[in-house]
Amino acid sequence: MQIMSMLSTLVAYAQTHASRLQRDEGLETVEYALIAALIAVVAIGVIELLGQGVTATFQSILDAINGTATP
């Protein structure tokens, strides 16, 4: 009788923790997705900010090579 009680307690404990582990994995997936989205937003912002300056720099180099640069 006591063995059955211990087994049922063990099974209940395992079920409780197994479902909690599944929920934690789901949360980790959401967290990774949020981090990836944040990195993408920051990367797009940096590219937008630096893109205009880089374009201007390359254009001035190209103008200098072609001899059409304005002083």
N, C-alpha and C. Protein backbone atom coordinates (compact mmCIF):
# COMPACT_ATOMS: atom_id res chain seq x y z
N MET A 1 0.82 -1.19 0.00
CA MET A 1 0.00 0.00 0.00
C MET A 1 0.87 1.26 0.00
N GLN A 2 1.88 1.27 0.81
CA GLN A 2 2.74 2.44 0.89
C GLN A 2 3.56 2.60 -0.39
N ILE A 3 3.91 1.52 -1.04
CA ILE A 3 4.65 1.59 -2.30
C ILE A 3 3.79 2.23 -3.37
N MET A 4 2.51 1.90 -3.42
CA MET A 4 1.60 2.50 -4.41
C MET A 4 1.46 4.00 -4.16
N SER A 5 1.41 4.39 -2.93
CA SER A 5 1.32 5.81 -2.60
C SER A 5 2.58 6.54 -3.03
N MET A 6 3.72 5.94 -2.80
CA MET A 6 4.98 6.55 -3.20
C MET A 6 5.08 6.65 -4.73
N LEU A 7 4.64 5.60 -5.42
CA LEU A 7 4.67 5.61 -6.88
C LEU A 7 3.74 6.68 -7.44
N SER A 8 2.56 6.80 -6.87
CA SER A 8 1.63 7.83 -7.37
C SER A 8 2.17 9.23 -7.10
N THR A 9 2.83 9.41 -5.97
CA THR A 9 3.44 10.70 -5.67
C THR A 9 4.58 10.99 -6.65
N LEU A 10 5.38 9.98 -6.95
CA LEU A 10 6.47 10.14 -7.90
C LEU A 10 5.96 10.47 -9.30
N VAL A 11 4.89 9.80 -9.72
CA VAL A 11 4.31 10.07 -11.04
C VAL A 11 3.74 11.49 -11.09
N ALA A 12 3.06 11.91 -10.04
CA ALA A 12 2.51 13.27 -10.00
C ALA A 12 3.63 14.30 -10.04
N TYR A 13 4.70 14.05 -9.31
CA TYR A 13 5.85 14.95 -9.31
C TYR A 13 6.48 15.05 -10.69
N ALA A 14 6.66 13.91 -11.35
CA ALA A 14 7.25 13.88 -12.69
C ALA A 14 6.36 14.61 -13.69
N GLN A 15 5.06 14.42 -13.59
CA GLN A 15 4.14 15.10 -14.52
C GLN A 15 4.17 16.60 -14.31
N THR A 16 4.22 17.03 -13.08
CA THR A 16 4.27 18.45 -12.78
C THR A 16 5.52 19.08 -13.34
N HIS A 17 6.65 18.46 -13.12
CA HIS A 17 7.91 19.03 -13.59
C HIS A 17 8.11 18.87 -15.08
N ALA A 18 7.58 17.85 -15.67
CA ALA A 18 7.67 17.67 -17.12
C ALA A 18 6.89 18.76 -17.83
N SER A 19 5.71 19.09 -17.34
CA SER A 19 4.92 20.15 -17.98
C SER A 19 5.58 21.51 -17.77
N ARG A 20 6.23 21.69 -16.63
CA ARG A 20 6.92 22.96 -16.39
C ARG A 20 8.12 23.10 -17.30
N LEU A 21 8.83 22.00 -17.56
CA LEU A 21 9.97 22.06 -18.48
C LEU A 21 9.50 22.39 -19.89
N GLN A 22 8.39 21.86 -20.30
CA GLN A 22 7.86 22.16 -21.63
C GLN A 22 7.49 23.62 -21.73
N ARG A 23 6.91 24.17 -20.70
CA ARG A 23 6.57 25.60 -20.71
C ARG A 23 7.82 26.45 -20.75
N ASP A 24 8.86 26.07 -19.99
CA ASP A 24 10.10 26.84 -19.98
C ASP A 24 10.75 26.85 -21.36
N GLU A 25 10.71 25.72 -22.06
CA GLU A 25 11.29 25.68 -23.39
C GLU A 25 10.54 26.60 -24.32
N GLY A 26 9.24 26.67 -24.17
CA GLY A 26 8.44 27.58 -24.98
C GLY A 26 8.81 29.03 -24.71
N LEU A 27 9.04 29.35 -23.46
CA LEU A 27 9.43 30.71 -23.11
C LEU A 27 10.80 31.03 -23.67
N GLU A 28 11.71 30.08 -23.64
CA GLU A 28 13.04 30.33 -24.19
C GLU A 28 12.95 30.63 -25.68
N THR A 29 12.08 29.95 -26.38
CA THR A 29 11.91 30.19 -27.80
C THR A 29 11.42 31.61 -28.05
N VAL A 30 10.45 32.03 -27.26
CA VAL A 30 9.93 33.39 -27.39
C VAL A 30 11.02 34.41 -27.06
N GLU A 31 11.79 34.14 -26.03
CA GLU A 31 12.86 35.06 -25.66
C GLU A 31 13.90 35.18 -26.77
N TYR A 32 14.28 34.05 -27.37
CA TYR A 32 15.23 34.09 -28.47
C TYR A 32 14.66 34.85 -29.66
N ALA A 33 13.38 34.69 -29.92
CA ALA A 33 12.75 35.40 -31.03
C ALA A 33 12.75 36.90 -30.76
N LEU A 34 12.47 37.30 -29.53
CA LEU A 34 12.50 38.73 -29.18
C LEU A 34 13.91 39.30 -29.30
N ILE A 35 14.90 38.56 -28.87
CA ILE A 35 16.29 39.02 -28.99
C ILE A 35 16.68 39.16 -30.45
N ALA A 36 16.30 38.18 -31.28
CA ALA A 36 16.62 38.24 -32.71
C ALA A 36 15.93 39.44 -33.36
N ALA A 37 14.68 39.71 -32.98
CA ALA A 37 13.97 40.86 -33.54
C ALA A 37 14.64 42.16 -33.11
N LEU A 38 15.06 42.24 -31.86
CA LEU A 38 15.74 43.45 -31.37
C LEU A 38 17.06 43.67 -32.11
N ILE A 39 17.82 42.61 -32.32
CA ILE A 39 19.07 42.72 -33.06
C ILE A 39 18.81 43.19 -34.48
N ALA A 40 17.76 42.66 -35.11
CA ALA A 40 17.43 43.07 -36.48
C ALA A 40 17.06 44.54 -36.53
N VAL A 41 16.27 45.01 -35.58
CA VAL A 41 15.87 46.42 -35.56
C VAL A 41 17.09 47.33 -35.37
N VAL A 42 17.98 46.96 -34.45
CA VAL A 42 19.19 47.76 -34.21
C VAL A 42 20.07 47.75 -35.45
N ALA A 43 20.23 46.60 -36.09
CA ALA A 43 21.06 46.51 -37.30
C ALA A 43 20.50 47.38 -38.41
N ILE A 44 19.19 47.35 -38.59
CA ILE A 44 18.56 48.18 -39.63
C ILE A 44 18.77 49.66 -39.32
N GLY A 45 18.63 50.03 -38.05
CA GLY A 45 18.85 51.43 -37.65
C GLY A 45 20.27 51.88 -37.91
N VAL A 46 21.24 51.05 -37.57
CA VAL A 46 22.65 51.39 -37.79
C VAL A 46 22.95 51.51 -39.27
N ILE A 47 22.43 50.59 -40.05
CA ILE A 47 22.65 50.64 -41.50
C ILE A 47 22.03 51.91 -42.09
N GLU A 48 20.85 52.28 -41.61
CA GLU A 48 20.22 53.51 -42.10
C GLU A 48 21.06 54.74 -41.74
N LEU A 49 21.57 54.78 -40.51
CA LEU A 49 22.37 55.93 -40.09
C LEU A 49 23.70 56.01 -40.82
N LEU A 50 24.37 54.87 -40.96
CA LEU A 50 25.68 54.86 -41.59
C LEU A 50 25.60 54.81 -43.11
N GLY A 51 24.50 54.36 -43.63
CA GLY A 51 24.36 54.18 -45.07
C GLY A 51 24.56 55.46 -45.85
N GLN A 52 23.97 56.56 -45.38
CA GLN A 52 24.09 57.83 -46.10
C GLN A 52 25.52 58.34 -46.08
N GLY A 53 26.19 58.23 -44.95
CA GLY A 53 27.58 58.67 -44.85
C GLY A 53 28.50 57.83 -45.71
N VAL A 54 28.28 56.54 -45.74
CA VAL A 54 29.10 55.65 -46.55
C VAL A 54 28.88 55.93 -48.03
N THR A 55 27.64 56.16 -48.41
CA THR A 55 27.34 56.48 -49.81
C THR A 55 28.04 57.77 -50.23
N ALA A 56 28.00 58.77 -49.37
CA ALA A 56 28.66 60.04 -49.68
C ALA A 56 30.16 59.86 -49.80
N THR A 57 30.75 59.06 -48.92
CA THR A 57 32.19 58.82 -48.97
C THR A 57 32.59 58.11 -50.26
N PHE A 58 31.85 57.07 -50.63
CA PHE A 58 32.15 56.37 -51.87
C PHE A 58 31.94 57.27 -53.09
N GLN A 59 30.94 58.12 -53.04
CA GLN A 59 30.70 59.03 -54.15
C GLN A 59 31.86 60.02 -54.30
N SER A 60 32.38 60.53 -53.18
CA SER A 60 33.52 61.46 -53.26
C SER A 60 34.77 60.74 -53.78
N ILE A 61 34.96 59.49 -53.40
CA ILE A 61 36.09 58.72 -53.93
C ILE A 61 35.94 58.51 -55.43
N LEU A 62 34.72 58.16 -55.85
CA LEU A 62 34.46 57.96 -57.27
C LEU A 62 34.65 59.25 -58.06
N ASP A 63 34.20 60.37 -57.50
CA ASP A 63 34.38 61.65 -58.16
C ASP A 63 35.86 62.00 -58.28
N ALA A 64 36.65 61.70 -57.24
CA ALA A 64 38.08 61.97 -57.28
C ALA A 64 38.77 61.12 -58.33
N ILE A 65 38.36 59.88 -58.45
CA ILE A 65 38.96 59.00 -59.45
C ILE A 65 38.61 59.49 -60.87
N ASN A 66 37.38 59.92 -61.07
CA ASN A 66 36.93 60.37 -62.38
C ASN A 66 37.38 61.80 -62.67
N GLY A 67 37.89 62.50 -61.70
CA GLY A 67 38.35 63.88 -61.91
C GLY A 67 37.22 64.88 -61.89
N THR A 68 36.07 64.50 -61.34
CA THR A 68 34.93 65.43 -61.30
C THR A 68 34.65 65.91 -59.89
N ALA A 69 35.62 65.77 -59.01
CA ALA A 69 35.41 66.17 -57.62
C ALA A 69 35.36 67.68 -57.51
N THR A 70 34.50 68.13 -56.63
CA THR A 70 34.41 69.57 -56.36
C THR A 70 35.17 69.85 -55.07
N PRO A 71 36.02 70.87 -55.08
CA PRO A 71 36.83 71.15 -53.88
C PRO A 71 36.03 71.65 -52.72
